[in-house]
């Protein structure tokens, strides 16, 4: 059985570069904006859903850019063409 390793933010002290910390801070701000939009959704704000969807796309694009800058990080959904992935999903669901 595989052993599980749990890391805490403090475990990264000394390993993160200034650029890493800037990226983390930037994504934290983006996430905070998304959380504020979630509260607007609860209040039934008419534009909140579209803004929340755009915020999620923006965060996803930022994560993709961060991962592309790291040679040792490989995220399947970032490296697979969207059409190929969609076609395989459709083929699996049809069987």
PDB file of N, CA and C in Angstrom:
ATOM      1  N   UNK A   1       0.844  -1.174   0.000  1.00  0.00           N
ATOM      2  CA  UNK A   1       0.000   0.000   0.000  1.00  0.00           C
ATOM      3  C   UNK A   1       0.893   1.242   0.000  1.00  0.00           C
ATOM      4  N   UNK A   2       0.491   2.243  -0.767  1.00  0.00           N
ATOM      5  CA  UNK A   2       1.272   3.476  -0.875  1.00  0.00           C
ATOM      6  C   UNK A   2       1.183   4.274   0.419  1.00  0.00           C
ATOM      7  N   UNK A   3       2.292   4.884   0.755  1.00  0.00           N
ATOM      8  CA  UNK A   3       2.347   5.715   1.945  1.00  0.00           C
ATOM      9  C   UNK A   3       1.896   7.122   1.594  1.00  0.00           C
ATOM     10  N   UNK A   4       1.078   7.723   2.426  1.00  0.00           N
ATOM     11  CA  UNK A   4       0.575   9.075   2.172  1.00  0.00           C
ATOM     12  C   UNK A   4       1.485  10.080   2.878  1.00  0.00           C
ATOM     13  N   UNK A   5       1.832  11.126   2.161  1.00  0.00           N
ATOM     14  CA  UNK A   5       2.656  12.193   2.712  1.00  0.00           C
ATOM     15  C   UNK A   5       1.823  13.464   2.719  1.00  0.00           C
ATOM     16  N   UNK A   6       1.730  14.104   3.854  1.00  0.00           N
ATOM     17  CA  UNK A   6       0.977  15.348   3.977  1.00  0.00           C
ATOM     18  C   UNK A   6       1.957  16.482   4.241  1.00  0.00           C
ATOM     19  N   UNK A   7       1.888  17.506   3.403  1.00  0.00           N
ATOM     20  CA  UNK A   7       2.748  18.670   3.568  1.00  0.00           C
ATOM     21  C   UNK A   7       1.926  19.854   4.070  1.00  0.00           C
ATOM     22  N   UNK A   8       2.575  20.707   4.784  1.00  0.00           N
ATOM     23  CA  UNK A   8       1.968  21.948   5.245  1.00  0.00           C
ATOM     24  C   UNK A   8       2.695  23.102   4.563  1.00  0.00           C
ATOM     25  N   UNK A   9       2.061  24.255   4.509  1.00  0.00           N
ATOM     26  CA  UNK A   9       2.676  25.403   3.850  1.00  0.00           C
ATOM     27  C   UNK A   9       4.063  25.696   4.416  1.00  0.00           C
ATOM     28  N   UNK A  10       4.231  25.537   5.710  1.00  0.00           N
ATOM     29  CA  UNK A  10       5.535  25.825   6.330  1.00  0.00           C
ATOM     30  C   UNK A  10       6.624  24.862   5.853  1.00  0.00           C
ATOM     31  N   UNK A  11       6.228  23.686   5.335  1.00  0.00           N
ATOM     32  CA  UNK A  11       7.208  22.735   4.814  1.00  0.00           C
ATOM     33  C   UNK A  11       7.906  23.262   3.562  1.00  0.00           C
ATOM     34  N   UNK A  12       7.299  24.251   2.921  1.00  0.00           N
ATOM     35  CA  UNK A  12       7.871  24.816   1.695  1.00  0.00           C
ATOM     36  C   UNK A  12       8.813  25.977   1.963  1.00  0.00           C
ATOM     37  N   UNK A  13       8.878  26.417   3.215  1.00  0.00           N
ATOM     38  CA  UNK A  13       9.767  27.526   3.556  1.00  0.00           C
ATOM     39  C   UNK A  13      11.189  27.204   3.102  1.00  0.00           C
ATOM     40  N   UNK A  14      11.783  28.139   2.394  1.00  0.00           N
ATOM     41  CA  UNK A  14      13.145  27.953   1.918  1.00  0.00           C
ATOM     42  C   UNK A  14      13.228  27.319   0.535  1.00  0.00           C
ATOM     43  N   UNK A  15      12.126  26.777   0.037  1.00  0.00           N
ATOM     44  CA  UNK A  15      12.131  26.134  -1.278  1.00  0.00           C
ATOM     45  C   UNK A  15      11.473  27.002  -2.351  1.00  0.00           C
ATOM     46  N   UNK A  16      10.597  27.909  -1.946  1.00  0.00           N
ATOM     47  CA  UNK A  16       9.903  28.753  -2.907  1.00  0.00           C
ATOM     48  C   UNK A  16      10.765  29.940  -3.306  1.00  0.00           C
ATOM     49  N   UNK A  17      10.744  30.229  -4.593  1.00  0.00           N
ATOM     50  CA  UNK A  17      11.447  31.417  -5.072  1.00  0.00           C
ATOM     51  C   UNK A  17      10.532  32.622  -4.917  1.00  0.00           C
ATOM     52  N   UNK A  18      11.083  33.794  -5.125  1.00  0.00           N
ATOM     53  CA  UNK A  18      10.262  35.014  -5.087  1.00  0.00           C
ATOM     54  C   UNK A  18       9.180  34.946  -6.156  1.00  0.00           C
ATOM     55  N   UNK A  19       9.521  34.384  -7.311  1.00  0.00           N
ATOM     56  CA  UNK A  19       8.541  34.238  -8.400  1.00  0.00           C
ATOM     57  C   UNK A  19       7.415  33.282  -7.988  1.00  0.00           C
ATOM     58  N   UNK A  20       7.781  32.191  -7.309  1.00  0.00           N
ATOM     59  CA  UNK A  20       6.768  31.260  -6.803  1.00  0.00           C
ATOM     60  C   UNK A  20       5.815  31.973  -5.851  1.00  0.00           C
ATOM     61  N   UNK A  21       6.369  32.749  -4.945  1.00  0.00           N
ATOM     62  CA  UNK A  21       5.545  33.443  -3.955  1.00  0.00           C
ATOM     63  C   UNK A  21       4.637  34.463  -4.621  1.00  0.00           C
ATOM     64  N   UNK A  22       5.138  35.156  -5.646  1.00  0.00           N
ATOM     65  CA  UNK A  22       4.297  36.113  -6.381  1.00  0.00           C
ATOM     66  C   UNK A  22       3.137  35.395  -7.048  1.00  0.00           C
ATOM     67  N   UNK A  23       3.401  34.229  -7.636  1.00  0.00           N
ATOM     68  CA  UNK A  23       2.341  33.463  -8.294  1.00  0.00           C
ATOM     69  C   UNK A  23       1.299  33.004  -7.270  1.00  0.00           C
ATOM     70  N   UNK A  24       1.760  32.550  -6.116  1.00  0.00           N
ATOM     71  CA  UNK A  24       0.838  32.126  -5.057  1.00  0.00           C
ATOM     72  C   UNK A  24      -0.016  33.303  -4.603  1.00  0.00           C
ATOM     73  N   UNK A  25       0.615  34.450  -4.400  1.00  0.00           N
ATOM     74  CA  UNK A  25      -0.118  35.639  -3.967  1.00  0.00           C
ATOM     75  C   UNK A  25      -1.144  36.079  -5.012  1.00  0.00           C
ATOM     76  N   UNK A  26      -0.751  36.019  -6.282  1.00  0.00           N
ATOM     77  CA  UNK A  26      -1.658  36.406  -7.368  1.00  0.00           C
ATOM     78  C   UNK A  26      -2.876  35.480  -7.410  1.00  0.00           C
ATOM     79  N   UNK A  27      -2.654  34.179  -7.312  1.00  0.00           N
ATOM     80  CA  UNK A  27      -3.763  33.223  -7.343  1.00  0.00           C
ATOM     81  C   UNK A  27      -4.634  33.388  -6.094  1.00  0.00           C
ATOM     82  N   UNK A  28      -4.034  33.711  -4.958  1.00  0.00           N
ATOM     83  CA  UNK A  28      -4.806  33.932  -3.731  1.00  0.00           C
ATOM     84  C   UNK A  28      -5.759  35.113  -3.893  1.00  0.00           C
ATOM     85  N   UNK A  29      -5.294  36.170  -4.542  1.00  0.00           N
ATOM     86  CA  UNK A  29      -6.156  37.325  -4.807  1.00  0.00           C
ATOM     87  C   UNK A  29      -7.295  36.918  -5.740  1.00  0.00           C
ATOM     88  N   UNK A  30      -6.967  36.168  -6.785  1.00  0.00           N
ATOM     89  CA  UNK A  30      -7.990  35.707  -7.734  1.00  0.00           C
ATOM     90  C   UNK A  30      -9.020  34.834  -7.022  1.00  0.00           C
ATOM     91  N   UNK A  31      -8.551  33.959  -6.155  1.00  0.00           N
ATOM     92  CA  UNK A  31      -9.443  33.073  -5.405  1.00  0.00           C
ATOM     93  C   UNK A  31     -10.345  33.891  -4.480  1.00  0.00           C
ATOM     94  N   UNK A  32      -9.785  34.901  -3.840  1.00  0.00           N
ATOM     95  CA  UNK A  32     -10.582  35.775  -2.980  1.00  0.00           C
ATOM     96  C   UNK A  32     -11.704  36.454  -3.747  1.00  0.00           C
ATOM     97  N   UNK A  33     -11.406  36.889  -4.968  1.00  0.00           N
ATOM     98  CA  UNK A  33     -12.446  37.500  -5.807  1.00  0.00           C
ATOM     99  C   UNK A  33     -13.532  36.478  -6.149  1.00  0.00           C
ATOM    100  N   UNK A  34     -13.133  35.249  -6.407  1.00  0.00           N
ATOM    101  CA  UNK A  34     -14.112  34.196  -6.699  1.00  0.00           C
ATOM    102  C   UNK A  34     -15.012  33.936  -5.495  1.00  0.00           C
ATOM    103  N   UNK A  35     -14.418  33.937  -4.320  1.00  0.00           N
ATOM    104  CA  UNK A  35     -15.213  33.718  -3.113  1.00  0.00           C
ATOM    105  C   UNK A  35     -16.221  34.845  -2.913  1.00  0.00           C
ATOM    106  N   UNK A  36     -15.819  36.077  -3.215  1.00  0.00           N
ATOM    107  CA  UNK A  36     -16.747  37.210  -3.124  1.00  0.00           C
ATOM    108  C   UNK A  36     -17.886  37.040  -4.121  1.00  0.00           C
ATOM    109  N   UNK A  37     -17.568  36.523  -5.309  1.00  0.00           N
ATOM    110  CA  UNK A  37     -18.610  36.276  -6.314  1.00  0.00           C
ATOM    111  C   UNK A  37     -19.553  35.165  -5.864  1.00  0.00           C
ATOM    112  N   UNK A  38     -19.034  34.192  -5.137  1.00  0.00           N
ATOM    113  CA  UNK A  38     -19.905  33.136  -4.598  1.00  0.00           C
ATOM    114  C   UNK A  38     -20.935  33.735  -3.641  1.00  0.00           C
ATOM    115  N   UNK A  39     -20.504  34.693  -2.846  1.00  0.00           N
ATOM    116  CA  UNK A  39     -21.449  35.351  -1.940  1.00  0.00           C
ATOM    117  C   UNK A  39     -22.503  36.115  -2.729  1.00  0.00           C
ATOM    118  N   UNK A  40     -22.093  36.724  -3.858  1.00  0.00           N
ATOM    119  CA  UNK A  40     -23.067  37.418  -4.713  1.00  0.00           C
ATOM    120  C   UNK A  40     -24.064  36.428  -5.311  1.00  0.00           C
ATOM    121  N   UNK A  41     -23.578  35.216  -5.622  1.00  0.00           N
ATOM    122  CA  UNK A  41     -24.486  34.180  -6.145  1.00  0.00           C
ATOM    123  C   UNK A  41     -25.553  33.870  -5.105  1.00  0.00           C
ATOM    124  N   UNK A  42     -25.157  33.777  -3.841  1.00  0.00           N
ATOM    125  CA  UNK A  42     -26.108  33.503  -2.771  1.00  0.00           C
ATOM    126  C   UNK A  42     -27.134  34.624  -2.657  1.00  0.00           C
ATOM    127  N   UNK A  43     -26.722  35.856  -2.985  1.00  0.00           N
ATOM    128  CA  UNK A  43     -27.623  37.005  -2.938  1.00  0.00           C
ATOM    129  C   UNK A  43     -28.420  37.157  -4.232  1.00  0.00           C
ATOM    130  N   UNK A  44     -28.203  36.214  -5.149  1.00  0.00           N
ATOM    131  CA  UNK A  44     -28.903  36.196  -6.447  1.00  0.00           C
ATOM    132  C   UNK A  44     -28.607  37.429  -7.312  1.00  0.00           C
ATOM    133  N   UNK A  45     -27.387  37.891  -7.235  1.00  0.00           N
ATOM    134  CA  UNK A  45     -26.956  39.000  -8.082  1.00  0.00           C
ATOM    135  C   UNK A  45     -27.004  38.537  -9.543  1.00  0.00           C
ATOM    136  N   UNK A  46     -27.623  39.311 -10.430  1.00  0.00           N
ATOM    137  CA  UNK A  46     -27.855  38.838 -11.808  1.00  0.00           C
ATOM    138  C   UNK A  46     -26.595  38.552 -12.625  1.00  0.00           C
ATOM    139  N   UNK A  47     -25.522  39.273 -12.395  1.00  0.00           N
ATOM    140  CA  UNK A  47     -24.311  39.064 -13.190  1.00  0.00           C
ATOM    141  C   UNK A  47     -23.291  38.152 -12.519  1.00  0.00           C
ATOM    142  N   UNK A  48     -23.572  37.684 -11.319  1.00  0.00           N
ATOM    143  CA  UNK A  48     -22.594  36.920 -10.546  1.00  0.00           C
ATOM    144  C   UNK A  48     -22.197  35.611 -11.228  1.00  0.00           C
ATOM    145  N   UNK A  49     -23.143  34.922 -11.828  1.00  0.00           N
ATOM    146  CA  UNK A  49     -22.823  33.620 -12.440  1.00  0.00           C
ATOM    147  C   UNK A  49     -21.826  33.782 -13.580  1.00  0.00           C
ATOM    148  N   UNK A  50     -22.052  34.729 -14.449  1.00  0.00           N
ATOM    149  CA  UNK A  50     -21.131  34.945 -15.569  1.00  0.00           C
ATOM    150  C   UNK A  50     -19.755  35.400 -15.069  1.00  0.00           C
ATOM    151  N   UNK A  51     -19.755  36.273 -14.070  1.00  0.00           N
ATOM    152  CA  UNK A  51     -18.481  36.747 -13.516  1.00  0.00           C
ATOM    153  C   UNK A  51     -17.731  35.626 -12.810  1.00  0.00           C
ATOM    154  N   UNK A  52     -18.457  34.755 -12.108  1.00  0.00           N
ATOM    155  CA  UNK A  52     -17.819  33.627 -11.431  1.00  0.00           C
ATOM    156  C   UNK A  52     -17.234  32.645 -12.445  1.00  0.00           C
ATOM    157  N   UNK A  53     -17.962  32.395 -13.519  1.00  0.00           N
ATOM    158  CA  UNK A  53     -17.448  31.505 -14.561  1.00  0.00           C
ATOM    159  C   UNK A  53     -16.181  32.083 -15.187  1.00  0.00           C
ATOM    160  N   UNK A  54     -16.179  33.389 -15.436  1.00  0.00           N
ATOM    161  CA  UNK A  54     -14.988  34.026 -16.006  1.00  0.00           C
ATOM    162  C   UNK A  54     -13.823  33.975 -15.020  1.00  0.00           C
ATOM    163  N   UNK A  55     -14.114  34.168 -13.749  1.00  0.00           N
ATOM    164  CA  UNK A  55     -13.077  34.099 -12.723  1.00  0.00           C
ATOM    165  C   UNK A  55     -12.456  32.707 -12.679  1.00  0.00           C
ATOM    166  N   UNK A  56     -13.286  31.681 -12.771  1.00  0.00           N
ATOM    167  CA  UNK A  56     -12.773  30.302 -12.772  1.00  0.00           C
ATOM    168  C   UNK A  56     -11.893  30.058 -13.993  1.00  0.00           C
ATOM    169  N   UNK A  57     -12.301  30.571 -15.151  1.00  0.00           N
ATOM    170  CA  UNK A  57     -11.469  30.434 -16.356  1.00  0.00           C
ATOM    171  C   UNK A  57     -10.128  31.141 -16.165  1.00  0.00           C
ATOM    172  N   UNK A  58     -10.178  32.339 -15.600  1.00  0.00           N
ATOM    173  CA  UNK A  58      -8.941  33.106 -15.382  1.00  0.00           C
ATOM    174  C   UNK A  58      -7.984  32.360 -14.452  1.00  0.00           C
ATOM    175  N   UNK A  59      -8.520  31.789 -13.379  1.00  0.00           N
ATOM    176  CA  UNK A  59      -7.677  31.025 -12.455  1.00  0.00           C
ATOM    177  C   UNK A  59      -7.096  29.807 -13.165  1.00  0.00           C
ATOM    178  N   UNK A  60      -7.904  29.120 -13.944  1.00  0.00           N
ATOM    179  CA  UNK A  60      -7.426  27.954 -14.690  1.00  0.00           C
ATOM    180  C   UNK A  60      -6.316  28.316 -15.656  1.00  0.00           C
ATOM    181  N   UNK A  61      -6.472  29.434 -16.356  1.00  0.00           N
ATOM    182  CA  UNK A  61      -5.429  29.875 -17.290  1.00  0.00           C
ATOM    183  C   UNK A  61      -4.149  30.245 -16.544  1.00  0.00           C
ATOM    184  N   UNK A  62      -4.299  30.845 -15.361  1.00  0.00           N
ATOM    185  CA  UNK A  62      -3.112  31.210 -14.583  1.00  0.00           C
ATOM    186  C   UNK A  62      -2.383  29.956 -14.103  1.00  0.00           C
ATOM    187  N   UNK A  63      -3.158  28.966 -13.624  1.00  0.00           N
ATOM    188  CA  UNK A  63      -2.543  27.700 -13.215  1.00  0.00           C
ATOM    189  C   UNK A  63      -1.835  27.036 -14.392  1.00  0.00           C
ATOM    190  N   UNK A  64      -2.453  27.090 -15.554  1.00  0.00           N
ATOM    191  CA  UNK A  64      -1.831  26.494 -16.735  1.00  0.00           C
ATOM    192  C   UNK A  64      -0.507  27.188 -17.044  1.00  0.00           C
ATOM    193  N   UNK A  65      -0.490  28.514 -16.975  1.00  0.00           N
ATOM    194  CA  UNK A  65       0.742  29.256 -17.243  1.00  0.00           C
ATOM    195  C   UNK A  65       1.823  28.908 -16.217  1.00  0.00           C
ATOM    196  N   UNK A  66       1.420  28.772 -14.963  1.00  0.00           N
ATOM    197  CA  UNK A  66       2.387  28.409 -13.915  1.00  0.00           C
ATOM    198  C   UNK A  66       2.963  27.024 -14.199  1.00  0.00           C
ATOM    199  N   UNK A  67       2.103  26.079 -14.522  1.00  0.00           N
ATOM    200  CA  UNK A  67       2.560  24.704 -14.768  1.00  0.00           C
ATOM    201  C   UNK A  67       3.422  24.602 -16.017  1.00  0.00           C
ATOM    202  N   UNK A  68       3.096  25.360 -17.044  1.00  0.00           N
ATOM    203  CA  UNK A  68       3.902  25.327 -18.272  1.00  0.00           C
ATOM    204  C   UNK A  68       5.321  25.837 -18.022  1.00  0.00           C
ATOM    205  N   UNK A  69       5.473  26.680 -17.020  1.00  0.00           N
ATOM    206  CA  UNK A  69       6.791  27.212 -16.691  1.00  0.00           C
ATOM    207  C   UNK A  69       7.638  26.261 -15.863  1.00  0.00           C
ATOM    208  N   UNK A  70       7.071  25.134 -15.480  1.00  0.00           N
ATOM    209  CA  UNK A  70       7.790  24.151 -14.655  1.00  0.00           C
ATOM    210  C   UNK A  70       7.929  22.844 -15.436  1.00  0.00           C
ATOM    211  N   UNK A  71       9.158  22.499 -15.813  1.00  0.00           N
ATOM    212  CA  UNK A  71       9.396  21.310 -16.639  1.00  0.00           C
ATOM    213  C   UNK A  71       8.979  20.003 -15.972  1.00  0.00           C
ATOM    214  N   UNK A  72       9.000  19.975 -14.653  1.00  0.00           N
ATOM    215  CA  UNK A  72       8.719  18.713 -13.963  1.00  0.00           C
ATOM    216  C   UNK A  72       7.252  18.556 -13.549  1.00  0.00           C
ATOM    217  N   UNK A  73       6.418  19.538 -13.886  1.00  0.00           N
ATOM    218  CA  UNK A  73       4.985  19.422 -13.596  1.00  0.00           C
ATOM    219  C   UNK A  73       4.266  19.145 -14.906  1.00  0.00           C
ATOM    220  N   UNK A  74       3.513  18.066 -14.928  1.00  0.00           N
ATOM    221  CA  UNK A  74       2.742  17.699 -16.119  1.00  0.00           C
ATOM    222  C   UNK A  74       1.295  17.495 -15.716  1.00  0.00           C
ATOM    223  N   UNK A  75       0.417  18.320 -16.263  1.00  0.00           N
ATOM    224  CA  UNK A  75      -1.014  18.228 -15.992  1.00  0.00           C
ATOM    225  C   UNK A  75      -1.674  17.763 -17.282  1.00  0.00           C
ATOM    226  N   UNK A  76      -2.262  16.591 -17.222  1.00  0.00           N
ATOM    227  CA  UNK A  76      -2.836  15.952 -18.406  1.00  0.00           C
ATOM    228  C   UNK A  76      -3.770  16.896 -19.165  1.00  0.00           C
ATOM    229  N   UNK A  77      -4.672  17.538 -18.462  1.00  0.00           N
ATOM    230  CA  UNK A  77      -5.660  18.381 -19.145  1.00  0.00           C
ATOM    231  C   UNK A  77      -5.032  19.608 -19.792  1.00  0.00           C
ATOM    232  N   UNK A  78      -3.862  20.042 -19.322  1.00  0.00           N
ATOM    233  CA  UNK A  78      -3.185  21.173 -19.942  1.00  0.00           C
ATOM    234  C   UNK A  78      -2.395  20.738 -21.170  1.00  0.00           C
ATOM    235  N   UNK A  79      -1.982  19.473 -21.211  1.00  0.00           N
ATOM    236  CA  UNK A  79      -1.118  18.995 -22.288  1.00  0.00           C
ATOM    237  C   UNK A  79      -1.878  18.263 -23.386  1.00  0.00           C
ATOM    238  N   UNK A  80      -3.154  18.005 -23.197  1.00  0.00           N
ATOM    239  CA  UNK A  80      -3.961  17.263 -24.160  1.00  0.00           C
ATOM    240  C   UNK A  80      -4.842  18.231 -24.930  1.00  0.00           C
ATOM    241  N   UNK A  81      -4.832  18.153 -26.250  1.00  0.00           N
ATOM    242  CA  UNK A  81      -5.715  19.032 -27.024  1.00  0.00           C
ATOM    243  C   UNK A  81      -7.176  18.827 -26.605  1.00  0.00           C
ATOM    244  N   UNK A  82      -7.908  19.908 -26.497  1.00  0.00           N
ATOM    245  CA  UNK A  82      -9.298  19.851 -26.028  1.00  0.00           C
ATOM    246  C   UNK A  82     -10.159  18.943 -26.886  1.00  0.00           C
ATOM    247  N   UNK A  83      -9.988  18.967 -28.197  1.00  0.00           N
ATOM    248  CA  UNK A  83     -10.833  18.143 -29.063  1.00  0.00           C
ATOM    249  C   UNK A  83     -10.561  16.661 -28.845  1.00  0.00           C
ATOM    250  N   UNK A  84      -9.308  16.284 -28.698  1.00  0.00           N
ATOM    251  CA  UNK A  84      -8.981  14.877 -28.463  1.00  0.00           C
ATOM    252  C   UNK A  84      -9.540  14.387 -27.145  1.00  0.00           C
ATOM    253  N   UNK A  85      -9.416  15.190 -26.129  1.00  0.00           N
ATOM    254  CA  UNK A  85      -9.918  14.817 -24.805  1.00  0.00           C
ATOM    255  C   UNK A  85     -11.436  14.688 -24.836  1.00  0.00           C
ATOM    256  N   UNK A  86     -12.105  15.608 -25.502  1.00  0.00           N
ATOM    257  CA  UNK A  86     -13.566  15.582 -25.597  1.00  0.00           C
ATOM    258  C   UNK A  86     -14.032  14.372 -26.377  1.00  0.00           C
ATOM    259  N   UNK A  87     -13.343  14.057 -27.464  1.00  0.00           N
ATOM    260  CA  UNK A  87     -13.734  12.898 -28.271  1.00  0.00           C
ATOM    261  C   UNK A  87     -13.571  11.607 -27.492  1.00  0.00           C
ATOM    262  N   UNK A  88     -12.504  11.489 -26.723  1.00  0.00           N
ATOM    263  CA  UNK A  88     -12.308  10.264 -25.915  1.00  0.00           C
ATOM    264  C   UNK A  88     -13.384  10.160 -24.849  1.00  0.00           C
ATOM    265  N   UNK A  89     -13.741  11.292 -24.248  1.00  0.00           N
ATOM    266  CA  UNK A  89     -14.788  11.274 -23.229  1.00  0.00           C
ATOM    267  C   UNK A  89     -16.106  10.830 -23.845  1.00  0.00           C
ATOM    268  N   UNK A  90     -16.410  11.339 -25.014  1.00  0.00           N
ATOM    269  CA  UNK A  90     -17.660  10.957 -25.695  1.00  0.00           C
ATOM    270  C   UNK A  90     -17.634   9.481 -26.032  1.00  0.00           C
ATOM    271  N   UNK A  91     -16.491   8.974 -26.499  1.00  0.00           N
ATOM    272  CA  UNK A  91     -16.391   7.562 -26.873  1.00  0.00           C
ATOM    273  C   UNK A  91     -16.582   6.680 -25.647  1.00  0.00           C
ATOM    274  N   UNK A  92     -16.015   7.055 -24.516  1.00  0.00           N
ATOM    275  CA  UNK A  92     -16.164   6.268 -23.292  1.00  0.00           C
ATOM    276  C   UNK A  92     -17.590   6.277 -22.819  1.00  0.00           C
ATOM    277  N   UNK A  93     -18.262   7.434 -22.902  1.00  0.00           N
ATOM    278  CA  UNK A  93     -19.623   7.510 -22.379  1.00  0.00           C
ATOM    279  C   UNK A  93     -20.619   6.803 -23.303  1.00  0.00           C
ATOM    280  N   UNK A  94     -20.253   6.603 -24.573  1.00  0.00           N
ATOM    281  CA  UNK A  94     -21.140   5.935 -25.512  1.00  0.00           C
ATOM    282  C   UNK A  94     -21.125   4.420 -25.339  1.00  0.00           C
ATOM    283  N   UNK A  95     -20.086   3.898 -24.704  1.00  0.00           N
ATOM    284  CA  UNK A  95     -19.984   2.443 -24.544  1.00  0.00           C
ATOM    285  C   UNK A  95     -20.632   1.974 -23.271  1.00  0.00           C
TER     286      UNK A  95
END
